[in-house]
Structure formats: structure tokens, C-alpha cells
PDB file of N, CA and C in Angstrom:
ATOM      1  N   UNK A   1      31.037 107.574 107.705  1.00  0.00           N
ATOM      2  CA  UNK A   1      31.406 106.465 106.853  1.00  0.00           C
ATOM      3  C   UNK A   1      30.244 105.500 106.695  1.00  0.00           C
ATOM      4  N   UNK A   2      29.453 105.346 107.738  1.00  0.00           N
ATOM      5  CA  UNK A   2      28.344 104.399 107.684  1.00  0.00           C
ATOM      6  C   UNK A   2      27.307 104.805 106.641  1.00  0.00           C
ATOM      7  N   UNK A   3      27.042 106.106 106.503  1.00  0.00           N
ATOM      8  CA  UNK A   3      26.064 106.552 105.512  1.00  0.00           C
ATOM      9  C   UNK A   3      26.547 106.265 104.092  1.00  0.00           C
ATOM     10  N   UNK A   4      27.844 106.405 103.855  1.00  0.00           N
ATOM     11  CA  UNK A   4      28.412 106.102 102.541  1.00  0.00           C
ATOM     12  C   UNK A   4      28.279 104.614 102.246  1.00  0.00           C
ATOM     13  N   UNK A   5      28.602 103.793 103.216  1.00  0.00           N
ATOM     14  CA  UNK A   5      28.519 102.337 103.037  1.00  0.00           C
ATOM     15  C   UNK A   5      27.069 101.904 102.801  1.00  0.00           C
ATOM     16  N   UNK A   6      26.141 102.473 103.555  1.00  0.00           N
ATOM     17  CA  UNK A   6      24.735 102.099 103.402  1.00  0.00           C
ATOM     18  C   UNK A   6      24.189 102.482 102.034  1.00  0.00           C
ATOM     19  N   UNK A   7      24.522 103.676 101.566  1.00  0.00           N
ATOM     20  CA  UNK A   7      24.016 104.093 100.260  1.00  0.00           C
ATOM     21  C   UNK A   7      24.621 103.261  99.130  1.00  0.00           C
ATOM     22  N   UNK A   8      25.869 102.860  99.259  1.00  0.00           N
ATOM     23  CA  UNK A   8      26.471 102.000  98.241  1.00  0.00           C
ATOM     24  C   UNK A   8      25.932 100.578  98.312  1.00  0.00           C
ATOM     25  N   UNK A   9      25.627 100.109  99.507  1.00  0.00           N
ATOM     26  CA  UNK A   9      25.071  98.766  99.667  1.00  0.00           C
ATOM     27  C   UNK A   9      23.692  98.674  99.018  1.00  0.00           C
ATOM     28  N   UNK A  10      22.911  99.745  99.081  1.00  0.00           N
ATOM     29  CA  UNK A  10      21.592  99.764  98.436  1.00  0.00           C
ATOM     30  C   UNK A  10      21.712  99.616  96.926  1.00  0.00           C
ATOM     31  N   UNK A  11      22.811 100.085  96.367  1.00  0.00           N
ATOM     32  CA  UNK A  11      23.040  99.985  94.927  1.00  0.00           C
ATOM     33  C   UNK A  11      23.720  98.671  94.542  1.00  0.00           C
ATOM     34  N   UNK A  12      23.976  97.803  95.519  1.00  0.00           N
ATOM     35  CA  UNK A  12      24.548  96.498  95.240  1.00  0.00           C
ATOM     36  C   UNK A  12      26.059  96.434  95.295  1.00  0.00           C
ATOM     37  N   UNK A  13      26.696  97.446  95.822  1.00  0.00           N
ATOM     38  CA  UNK A  13      28.156  97.463  95.927  1.00  0.00           C
ATOM     39  C   UNK A  13      28.571  96.961  97.303  1.00  0.00           C
ATOM     40  N   UNK A  14      29.391  95.935  97.323  1.00  0.00           N
ATOM     41  CA  UNK A  14      29.878  95.352  98.572  1.00  0.00           C
ATOM     42  C   UNK A  14      31.403  95.403  98.540  1.00  0.00           C
ATOM     43  N   UNK A  15      31.985  95.832  99.656  1.00  0.00           N
ATOM     44  CA  UNK A  15      33.431  96.001  99.739  1.00  0.00           C
ATOM     45  C   UNK A  15      34.028  95.087 100.792  1.00  0.00           C
ATOM     46  N   UNK A  16      35.221  94.532 100.470  1.00  0.00           N
ATOM     47  CA  UNK A  16      35.952  93.726 101.444  1.00  0.00           C
ATOM     48  C   UNK A  16      36.616  94.617 102.469  1.00  0.00           C
ATOM     49  N   UNK A  17      37.149  95.730 102.016  1.00  0.00           N
ATOM     50  CA  UNK A  17      37.905  96.605 102.895  1.00  0.00           C
ATOM     51  C   UNK A  17      37.622  98.055 102.511  1.00  0.00           C
ATOM     52  N   UNK A  18      37.416  98.887 103.531  1.00  0.00           N
ATOM     53  CA  UNK A  18      37.197 100.312 103.293  1.00  0.00           C
ATOM     54  C   UNK A  18      38.000 101.087 104.319  1.00  0.00           C
ATOM     55  N   UNK A  19      38.817 102.005 103.845  1.00  0.00           N
ATOM     56  CA  UNK A  19      39.724 102.743 104.714  1.00  0.00           C
ATOM     57  C   UNK A  19      39.536 104.237 104.485  1.00  0.00           C
ATOM     58  N   UNK A  20      39.393 104.989 105.581  1.00  0.00           N
ATOM     59  CA  UNK A  20      39.282 106.439 105.465  1.00  0.00           C
ATOM     60  C   UNK A  20      40.677 107.045 105.493  1.00  0.00           C
ATOM     61  N   UNK A  21      40.890 108.007 104.596  1.00  0.00           N
ATOM     62  CA  UNK A  21      42.173 108.681 104.501  1.00  0.00           C
ATOM     63  C   UNK A  21      41.988 110.112 104.979  1.00  0.00           C
ATOM     64  N   UNK A  22      42.812 110.537 105.902  1.00  0.00           N
ATOM     65  CA  UNK A  22      42.744 111.908 106.391  1.00  0.00           C
ATOM     66  C   UNK A  22      43.275 112.843 105.305  1.00  0.00           C
ATOM     67  N   UNK A  23      42.552 113.923 105.021  1.00  0.00           N
ATOM     68  CA  UNK A  23      43.038 114.865 104.003  1.00  0.00           C
ATOM     69  C   UNK A  23      44.418 115.433 104.341  1.00  0.00           C
ATOM     70  N   UNK A  24      44.736 115.490 105.610  1.00  0.00           N
ATOM     71  CA  UNK A  24      46.038 116.005 106.048  1.00  0.00           C
ATOM     72  C   UNK A  24      47.177 115.128 105.527  1.00  0.00           C
ATOM     73  N   UNK A  25      46.931 113.827 105.380  1.00  0.00           N
ATOM     74  CA  UNK A  25      47.973 112.922 104.874  1.00  0.00           C
ATOM     75  C   UNK A  25      48.352 113.249 103.439  1.00  0.00           C
ATOM     76  N   UNK A  26      47.377 113.751 102.670  1.00  0.00           N
ATOM     77  CA  UNK A  26      47.623 114.101 101.278  1.00  0.00           C
ATOM     78  C   UNK A  26      48.054 115.551 101.106  1.00  0.00           C
ATOM     79  N   UNK A  27      48.074 116.301 102.195  1.00  0.00           N
ATOM     80  CA  UNK A  27      48.428 117.704 102.111  1.00  0.00           C
ATOM     81  C   UNK A  27      47.291 118.577 101.635  1.00  0.00           C
ATOM     82  N   UNK A  28      46.060 118.166 101.935  1.00  0.00           N
ATOM     83  CA  UNK A  28      44.864 118.890 101.499  1.00  0.00           C
ATOM     84  C   UNK A  28      44.229 119.544 102.716  1.00  0.00           C
ATOM     85  N   UNK A  29      43.796 120.788 102.552  1.00  0.00           N
ATOM     86  CA  UNK A  29      43.188 121.499 103.670  1.00  0.00           C
ATOM     87  C   UNK A  29      41.667 121.537 103.578  1.00  0.00           C
ATOM     88  N   UNK A  30      41.093 120.969 102.547  1.00  0.00           N
ATOM     89  CA  UNK A  30      39.650 121.015 102.351  1.00  0.00           C
ATOM     90  C   UNK A  30      38.922 120.110 103.339  1.00  0.00           C
ATOM     91  N   UNK A  31      37.670 120.453 103.606  1.00  0.00           N
ATOM     92  CA  UNK A  31      36.829 119.599 104.446  1.00  0.00           C
ATOM     93  C   UNK A  31      36.169 118.569 103.534  1.00  0.00           C
ATOM     94  N   UNK A  32      36.825 117.450 103.418  1.00  0.00           N
ATOM     95  CA  UNK A  32      36.380 116.388 102.531  1.00  0.00           C
ATOM     96  C   UNK A  32      36.714 115.058 103.195  1.00  0.00           C
ATOM     97  N   UNK A  33      35.856 114.080 102.978  1.00  0.00           N
ATOM     98  CA  UNK A  33      36.132 112.732 103.476  1.00  0.00           C
ATOM     99  C   UNK A  33      36.554 111.892 102.281  1.00  0.00           C
ATOM    100  N   UNK A  34      37.681 111.250 102.418  1.00  0.00           N
ATOM    101  CA  UNK A  34      38.242 110.449 101.338  1.00  0.00           C
ATOM    102  C   UNK A  34      38.322 109.002 101.812  1.00  0.00           C
ATOM    103  N   UNK A  35      37.826 108.089 100.983  1.00  0.00           N
ATOM    104  CA  UNK A  35      37.855 106.671 101.310  1.00  0.00           C
ATOM    105  C   UNK A  35      38.528 105.903 100.187  1.00  0.00           C
ATOM    106  N   UNK A  36      39.274 104.883 100.581  1.00  0.00           N
ATOM    107  CA  UNK A  36      39.861 103.930  99.629  1.00  0.00           C
ATOM    108  C   UNK A  36      39.200 102.590  99.933  1.00  0.00           C
ATOM    109  N   UNK A  37      38.565 102.006  98.932  1.00  0.00           N
ATOM    110  CA  UNK A  37      37.843 100.755  99.148  1.00  0.00           C
ATOM    111  C   UNK A  37      38.306  99.702  98.151  1.00  0.00           C
ATOM    112  N   UNK A  38      38.183  98.448  98.559  1.00  0.00           N
ATOM    113  CA  UNK A  38      38.474  97.312  97.701  1.00  0.00           C
ATOM    114  C   UNK A  38      37.212  96.466  97.622  1.00  0.00           C
ATOM    115  N   UNK A  39      36.727  96.216  96.398  1.00  0.00           N
ATOM    116  CA  UNK A  39      35.498  95.432  96.276  1.00  0.00           C
ATOM    117  C   UNK A  39      35.814  93.936  96.249  1.00  0.00           C
ATOM    118  N   UNK A  40      34.780  93.141  96.103  1.00  0.00           N
ATOM    119  CA  UNK A  40      34.921  91.685  96.142  1.00  0.00           C
ATOM    120  C   UNK A  40      35.786  91.177  94.986  1.00  0.00           C
ATOM    121  N   UNK A  41      35.742  91.864  93.832  1.00  0.00           N
ATOM    122  CA  UNK A  41      36.533  91.460  92.672  1.00  0.00           C
ATOM    123  C   UNK A  41      37.999  91.863  92.765  1.00  0.00           C
ATOM    124  N   UNK A  42      38.333  92.695  93.758  1.00  0.00           N
ATOM    125  CA  UNK A  42      39.708  93.126  93.936  1.00  0.00           C
ATOM    126  C   UNK A  42      40.018  94.464  93.296  1.00  0.00           C
ATOM    127  N   UNK A  43      39.012  95.157  92.781  1.00  0.00           N
ATOM    128  CA  UNK A  43      39.221  96.479  92.195  1.00  0.00           C
ATOM    129  C   UNK A  43      39.242  97.548  93.280  1.00  0.00           C
ATOM    130  N   UNK A  44      40.037  98.591  93.041  1.00  0.00           N
ATOM    131  CA  UNK A  44      40.139  99.690  93.986  1.00  0.00           C
ATOM    132  C   UNK A  44      39.169 100.801  93.609  1.00  0.00           C
ATOM    133  N   UNK A  45      38.550 101.400  94.607  1.00  0.00           N
ATOM    134  CA  UNK A  45      37.592 102.484  94.437  1.00  0.00           C
ATOM    135  C   UNK A  45      38.073 103.695  95.225  1.00  0.00           C
ATOM    136  N   UNK A  46      37.974 104.870  94.629  1.00  0.00           N
ATOM    137  CA  UNK A  46      38.232 106.134  95.324  1.00  0.00           C
ATOM    138  C   UNK A  46      36.877 106.773  95.564  1.00  0.00           C
ATOM    139  N   UNK A  47      36.560 107.040  96.816  1.00  0.00           N
ATOM    140  CA  UNK A  47      35.257 107.585  97.184  1.00  0.00           C
ATOM    141  C   UNK A  47      35.479 108.898  97.922  1.00  0.00           C
ATOM    142  N   UNK A  48      34.883 109.965  97.401  1.00  0.00           N
ATOM    143  CA  UNK A  48      34.959 111.282  98.030  1.00  0.00           C
ATOM    144  C   UNK A  48      33.572 111.632  98.555  1.00  0.00           C
ATOM    145  N   UNK A  49      33.483 112.139  99.769  1.00  0.00           N
ATOM    146  CA  UNK A  49      32.224 112.606 100.354  1.00  0.00           C
ATOM    147  C   UNK A  49      32.386 114.083 100.695  1.00  0.00           C
ATOM    148  N   UNK A  50      31.573 114.907 100.032  1.00  0.00           N
ATOM    149  CA  UNK A  50      31.664 116.350 100.200  1.00  0.00           C
ATOM    150  C   UNK A  50      30.357 116.872 100.756  1.00  0.00           C
ATOM    151  N   UNK A  51      30.460 117.675 101.795  1.00  0.00           N
ATOM    152  CA  UNK A  51      29.292 118.312 102.381  1.00  0.00           C
ATOM    153  C   UNK A  51      29.577 119.804 102.482  1.00  0.00           C
ATOM    154  N   UNK A  52      28.893 120.567 101.647  1.00  0.00           N
ATOM    155  CA  UNK A  52      29.063 122.012 101.671  1.00  0.00           C
ATOM    156  C   UNK A  52      27.727 122.678 101.378  1.00  0.00           C
ATOM    157  N   UNK A  53      27.606 123.935 101.770  1.00  0.00           N
ATOM    158  CA  UNK A  53      26.348 124.654 101.606  1.00  0.00           C
ATOM    159  C   UNK A  53      26.259 125.341 100.253  1.00  0.00           C
ATOM    160  N   UNK A  54      27.382 125.807  99.737  1.00  0.00           N
ATOM    161  CA  UNK A  54      27.367 126.515  98.465  1.00  0.00           C
ATOM    162  C   UNK A  54      27.392 125.537  97.291  1.00  0.00           C
ATOM    163  N   UNK A  55      27.049 126.050  96.133  1.00  0.00           N
ATOM    164  CA  UNK A  55      26.971 125.227  94.932  1.00  0.00           C
ATOM    165  C   UNK A  55      28.365 124.794  94.482  1.00  0.00           C
ATOM    166  N   UNK A  56      28.452 123.600  93.938  1.00  0.00           N
ATOM    167  CA  UNK A  56      29.711 123.047  93.442  1.00  0.00           C
ATOM    168  C   UNK A  56      29.967 123.594  92.040  1.00  0.00           C
ATOM    169  N   UNK A  57      31.105 124.243  91.842  1.00  0.00           N
ATOM    170  CA  UNK A  57      31.423 124.901  90.578  1.00  0.00           C
ATOM    171  C   UNK A  57      32.601 124.214  89.895  1.00  0.00           C
ATOM    172  N   UNK A  58      32.966 124.738  88.714  1.00  0.00           N
ATOM    173  CA  UNK A  58      34.066 124.155  87.945  1.00  0.00           C
ATOM    174  C   UNK A  58      35.401 124.222  88.702  1.00  0.00           C
ATOM    175  N   UNK A  59      35.619 125.287  89.473  1.00  0.00           N
ATOM    176  CA  UNK A  59      36.882 125.370  90.221  1.00  0.00           C
ATOM    177  C   UNK A  59      36.979 124.233  91.227  1.00  0.00           C
ATOM    178  N   UNK A  60      35.842 123.796  91.752  1.00  0.00           N
ATOM    179  CA  UNK A  60      35.841 122.671  92.685  1.00  0.00           C
ATOM    180  C   UNK A  60      36.174 121.368  91.966  1.00  0.00           C
ATOM    181  N   UNK A  61      35.738 121.236  90.713  1.00  0.00           N
ATOM    182  CA  UNK A  61      36.046 120.032  89.930  1.00  0.00           C
ATOM    183  C   UNK A  61      37.551 119.908  89.743  1.00  0.00           C
ATOM    184  N   UNK A  62      38.210 121.012  89.425  1.00  0.00           N
ATOM    185  CA  UNK A  62      39.671 120.982  89.265  1.00  0.00           C
ATOM    186  C   UNK A  62      40.351 120.630  90.586  1.00  0.00           C
ATOM    187  N   UNK A  63      39.795 121.138  91.672  1.00  0.00           N
ATOM    188  CA  UNK A  63      40.344 120.857  93.000  1.00  0.00           C
ATOM    189  C   UNK A  63      40.234 119.366  93.322  1.00  0.00           C
ATOM    190  N   UNK A  64      39.082 118.744  92.985  1.00  0.00           N
ATOM    191  CA  UNK A  64      38.902 117.317  93.249  1.00  0.00           C
ATOM    192  C   UNK A  64      39.820 116.467  92.379  1.00  0.00           C
ATOM    193  N   UNK A  65      40.076 116.900  91.159  1.00  0.00           N
ATOM    194  CA  UNK A  65      41.003 116.165  90.309  1.00  0.00           C
ATOM    195  C   UNK A  65      42.429 116.242  90.863  1.00  0.00           C
ATOM    196  N   UNK A  66      42.793 117.374  91.432  1.00  0.00           N
ATOM    197  CA  UNK A  66      44.119 117.498  92.055  1.00  0.00           C
ATOM    198  C   UNK A  66      44.227 116.588  93.273  1.00  0.00           C
ATOM    199  N   UNK A  67      43.162 116.521  94.058  1.00  0.00           N
ATOM    200  CA  UNK A  67      43.151 115.638  95.229  1.00  0.00           C
ATOM    201  C   UNK A  67      43.254 114.181  94.785  1.00  0.00           C
ATOM    202  N   UNK A  68      42.534 113.830  93.717  1.00  0.00           N
ATOM    203  CA  UNK A  68      42.593 112.465  93.193  1.00  0.00           C
ATOM    204  C   UNK A  68      44.009 112.136  92.706  1.00  0.00           C
ATOM    205  N   UNK A  69      44.664 113.092  92.040  1.00  0.00           N
ATOM    206  CA  UNK A  69      46.034 112.869  91.566  1.00  0.00           C
ATOM    207  C   UNK A  69      46.984 112.646  92.744  1.00  0.00           C
ATOM    208  N   UNK A  70      46.790 113.406  93.828  1.00  0.00           N
ATOM    209  CA  UNK A  70      47.609 113.206  95.031  1.00  0.00           C
ATOM    210  C   UNK A  70      47.349 111.837  95.646  1.00  0.00           C
ATOM    211  N   UNK A  71      46.093 111.382  95.595  1.00  0.00           N
ATOM    212  CA  UNK A  71      45.739 110.066  96.136  1.00  0.00           C
ATOM    213  C   UNK A  71      46.410 108.949  95.335  1.00  0.00           C
ATOM    214  N   UNK A  72      46.437 109.095  94.013  1.00  0.00           N
ATOM    215  CA  UNK A  72      47.095 108.098  93.154  1.00  0.00           C
ATOM    216  C   UNK A  72      48.594 108.043  93.451  1.00  0.00           C
ATOM    217  N   UNK A  73      49.203 109.198  93.620  1.00  0.00           N
ATOM    218  CA  UNK A  73      50.644 109.238  93.924  1.00  0.00           C
ATOM    219  C   UNK A  73      50.915 108.662  95.310  1.00  0.00           C
ATOM    220  N   UNK A  74      50.047 108.963  96.271  1.00  0.00           N
ATOM    221  CA  UNK A  74      50.228 108.508  97.647  1.00  0.00           C
ATOM    222  C   UNK A  74      50.205 106.982  97.737  1.00  0.00           C
ATOM    223  N   UNK A  75      49.266 106.344  96.994  1.00  0.00           N
ATOM    224  CA  UNK A  75      49.164 104.885  97.049  1.00  0.00           C
ATOM    225  C   UNK A  75      49.939 104.176  95.945  1.00  0.00           C
ATOM    226  N   UNK A  76      50.350 104.872  94.927  1.00  0.00           N
ATOM    227  CA  UNK A  76      51.177 104.266  93.891  1.00  0.00           C
ATOM    228  C   UNK A  76      50.417 103.393  92.914  1.00  0.00           C
ATOM    229  N   UNK A  77      49.111 103.552  92.807  1.00  0.00           N
ATOM    230  CA  UNK A  77      48.330 102.821  91.810  1.00  0.00           C
ATOM    231  C   UNK A  77      47.086 103.616  91.446  1.00  0.00           C
ATOM    232  N   UNK A  78      46.514 103.297  90.295  1.00  0.00           N
ATOM    233  CA  UNK A  78      45.286 103.951  89.856  1.00  0.00           C
ATOM    234  C   UNK A  78      44.079 103.249  90.458  1.00  0.00           C
ATOM    235  N   UNK A  79      42.975 103.934  90.471  1.00  0.00           N
ATOM    236  CA  UNK A  79      41.726 103.380  90.982  1.00  0.00           C
ATOM    237  C   UNK A  79      40.820 103.062  89.802  1.00  0.00           C
ATOM    238  N   UNK A  80      40.160 101.921  89.853  1.00  0.00           N
ATOM    239  CA  UNK A  80      39.283 101.493  88.771  1.00  0.00           C
ATOM    240  C   UNK A  80      38.037 102.372  88.694  1.00  0.00           C
ATOM    241  N   UNK A  81      37.474 102.730  89.850  1.00  0.00           N
ATOM    242  CA  UNK A  81      36.240 103.511  89.903  1.00  0.00           C
ATOM    243  C   UNK A  81      36.432 104.718  90.808  1.00  0.00           C
ATOM    244  N   UNK A  82      35.731 105.815  90.462  1.00  0.00           N
ATOM    245  CA  UNK A  82      35.754 107.033  91.265  1.00  0.00           C
ATOM    246  C   UNK A  82      34.308 107.452  91.522  1.00  0.00           C
ATOM    247  N   UNK A  83      33.952 107.605  92.792  1.00  0.00           N
ATOM    248  CA  UNK A  83      32.605 108.022  93.166  1.00  0.00           C
ATOM    249  C   UNK A  83      32.703 109.282  94.009  1.00  0.00           C
ATOM    250  N   UNK A  84      31.763 110.189  93.807  1.00  0.00           N
ATOM    251  CA  UNK A  84      31.724 111.412  94.589  1.00  0.00           C
ATOM    252  C   UNK A  84      30.310 111.595  95.147  1.00  0.00           C
ATOM    253  N   UNK A  85      30.222 111.757  96.469  1.00  0.00           N
ATOM    254  CA  UNK A  85      28.960 112.016  97.156  1.00  0.00           C
ATOM    255  C   UNK A  85      28.890 113.512  97.429  1.00  0.00           C
ATOM    256  N   UNK A  86      27.829 114.159  96.948  1.00  0.00           N
ATOM    257  CA  UNK A  86      27.693 115.593  97.101  1.00  0.00           C
ATOM    258  C   UNK A  86      26.345 115.909  97.726  1.00  0.00           C
ATOM    259  N   UNK A  87      26.372 116.699  98.807  1.00  0.00           N
ATOM    260  CA  UNK A  87      25.135 117.149  99.438  1.00  0.00           C
ATOM    261  C   UNK A  87      24.649 118.470  98.852  1.00  0.00           C
ATOM    262  N   UNK A  88      25.529 119.213  98.212  1.00  0.00           N
ATOM    263  CA  UNK A  88      25.222 120.548  97.710  1.00  0.00           C
ATOM    264  C   UNK A  88      24.685 120.474  96.282  1.00  0.00           C
ATOM    265  N   UNK A  89      24.008 121.539  95.847  1.00  0.00           N
ATOM    266  CA  UNK A  89      23.622 121.597  94.424  1.00  0.00           C
ATOM    267  C   UNK A  89      24.870 121.682  93.556  1.00  0.00           C
ATOM    268  N   UNK A  90      24.761 121.228  92.325  1.00  0.00           N
ATOM    269  CA  UNK A  90      25.918 121.171  91.441  1.00  0.00           C
ATOM    270  C   UNK A  90      25.621 121.918  90.151  1.00  0.00           C
ATOM    271  N   UNK A  91      26.573 122.676  89.688  1.00  0.00           N
ATOM    272  CA  UNK A  91      26.469 123.426  88.437  1.00  0.00           C
ATOM    273  C   UNK A  91      26.433 122.425  87.275  1.00  0.00           C
ATOM    274  N   UNK A  92      25.685 122.743  86.221  1.00  0.00           N
ATOM    275  CA  UNK A  92      25.539 121.819  85.098  1.00  0.00           C
ATOM    276  C   UNK A  92      26.874 121.585  84.386  1.00  0.00           C
ATOM    277  N   UNK A  93      27.688 122.625  84.236  1.00  0.00           N
ATOM    278  CA  UNK A  93      28.997 122.460  83.601  1.00  0.00           C
ATOM    279  C   UNK A  93      29.918 121.614  84.468  1.00  0.00           C
ATOM    280  N   UNK A  94      29.837 121.795  85.773  1.00  0.00           N
ATOM    281  CA  UNK A  94      30.662 120.995  86.681  1.00  0.00           C
ATOM    282  C   UNK A  94      30.239 119.529  86.624  1.00  0.00           C
ATOM    283  N   UNK A  95      28.945 119.300  86.528  1.00  0.00           N
ATOM    284  CA  UNK A  95      28.450 117.920  86.451  1.00  0.00           C
ATOM    285  C   UNK A  95      28.937 117.243  85.174  1.00  0.00           C
ATOM    286  N   UNK A  96      28.870 117.958  84.054  1.00  0.00           N
ATOM    287  CA  UNK A  96      29.358 117.410  82.787  1.00  0.00           C
ATOM    288  C   UNK A  96      30.854 117.119  82.861  1.00  0.00           C
ATOM    289  N   UNK A  97      31.612 118.025  83.490  1.00  0.00           N
ATOM    290  CA  UNK A  97      33.063 117.828  83.602  1.00  0.00           C
ATOM    291  C   UNK A  97      33.391 116.619  84.465  1.00  0.00           C
ATOM    292  N   UNK A  98      32.665 116.450  85.570  1.00  0.00           N
ATOM    293  CA  UNK A  98      32.908 115.287  86.432  1.00  0.00           C
ATOM    294  C   UNK A  98      32.595 113.983  85.708  1.00  0.00           C
ATOM    295  N   UNK A  99      31.485 113.954  84.986  1.00  0.00           N
ATOM    296  CA  UNK A  99      31.119 112.744  84.250  1.00  0.00           C
ATOM    297  C   UNK A  99      32.121 112.461  83.130  1.00  0.00           C
ATOM    298  N   UNK A 100      32.622 113.509  82.481  1.00  0.00           N
ATOM    299  CA  UNK A 100      33.599 113.328  81.404  1.00  0.00           C
ATOM    300  C   UNK A 100      34.929 112.779  81.928  1.00  0.00           C
ATOM    301  N   UNK A 101      35.260 113.096  83.179  1.00  0.00           N
ATOM    302  CA  UNK A 101      36.515 112.623  83.760  1.00  0.00           C
ATOM    303  C   UNK A 101      36.365 111.275  84.458  1.00  0.00           C
ATOM    304  N   UNK A 102      35.201 110.651  84.355  1.00  0.00           N
ATOM    305  CA  UNK A 102      35.027 109.293  84.867  1.00  0.00           C
ATOM    306  C   UNK A 102      34.459 109.200  86.261  1.00  0.00           C
ATOM    307  N   UNK A 103      33.960 110.295  86.823  1.00  0.00           N
ATOM    308  CA  UNK A 103      33.375 110.256  88.154  1.00  0.00           C
ATOM    309  C   UNK A 103      31.929 109.789  88.072  1.00  0.00           C
ATOM    310  N   UNK A 104      31.504 109.069  89.086  1.00  0.00           N
ATOM    311  CA  UNK A 104      30.092 108.720  89.257  1.00  0.00           C
ATOM    312  C   UNK A 104      29.555 109.597  90.380  1.00  0.00           C
ATOM    313  N   UNK A 105      28.468 110.311  90.104  1.00  0.00           N
ATOM    314  CA  UNK A 105      27.935 111.271  91.075  1.00  0.00           C
ATOM    315  C   UNK A 105      26.772 110.630  91.811  1.00  0.00           C
ATOM    316  N   UNK A 106      26.809 110.735  93.138  1.00  0.00           N
ATOM    317  CA  UNK A 106      25.727 110.212  93.987  1.00  0.00           C
ATOM    318  C   UNK A 106      25.098 111.345  94.733  1.00  0.00           C
TER     319      UNK A 106
END
């Protein structure tokens, strides 16, 4: 969590509250770190941190959208911003799809 906070702080993002959500709570079996954050203005942020060795493909984009939909249902509200941290290389079509759906890629 500290690496996520540090990288966002370098970009000028400061949060009042940041909470990690266990994927098990959402019924997800993937190895993913999910954070719910509230910034100084009171907007909610959904932050996903993914660490995998293989390339991120379109099927993974659909999987992340399903996880995001479960997160919205779990908390009962939409998130103003969505950020995804990826350590793996990303397919060009997957990158375009993520950007089209409103994700910010770090």
C-alpha cells in the first residue's frame, strides 16, 4: 500500500482516507490489491494494483470491469476516478479499452 500512496503523492494526489479491500470480500479469486480512497475534495477513488508476469490482455480488461462492478455494488455508490497500477506489459488493444472505459493507467 505504501508504494501506491508514494507514487500517487508524487503526482500531487493526497487522500484523507485509504482502505484496502480484500478480494475475498467481493468474491474474487484473483491476486489483486483493491483500494478505496477518499481525496481532500471528498471524491471516491477506486485503485487497483496488479502484479503479474504475463502480458495484460483484453480478457483481463473484462475481468477488471467485473471486479469494479462488484465494488460499486458492495459499497452502493460509484467512484469518481479509477486508477490501475500494472507491473506487467500491456497489450495495445487492452490499453485502449481501459482508457475508453475511464481508467487511468500507472
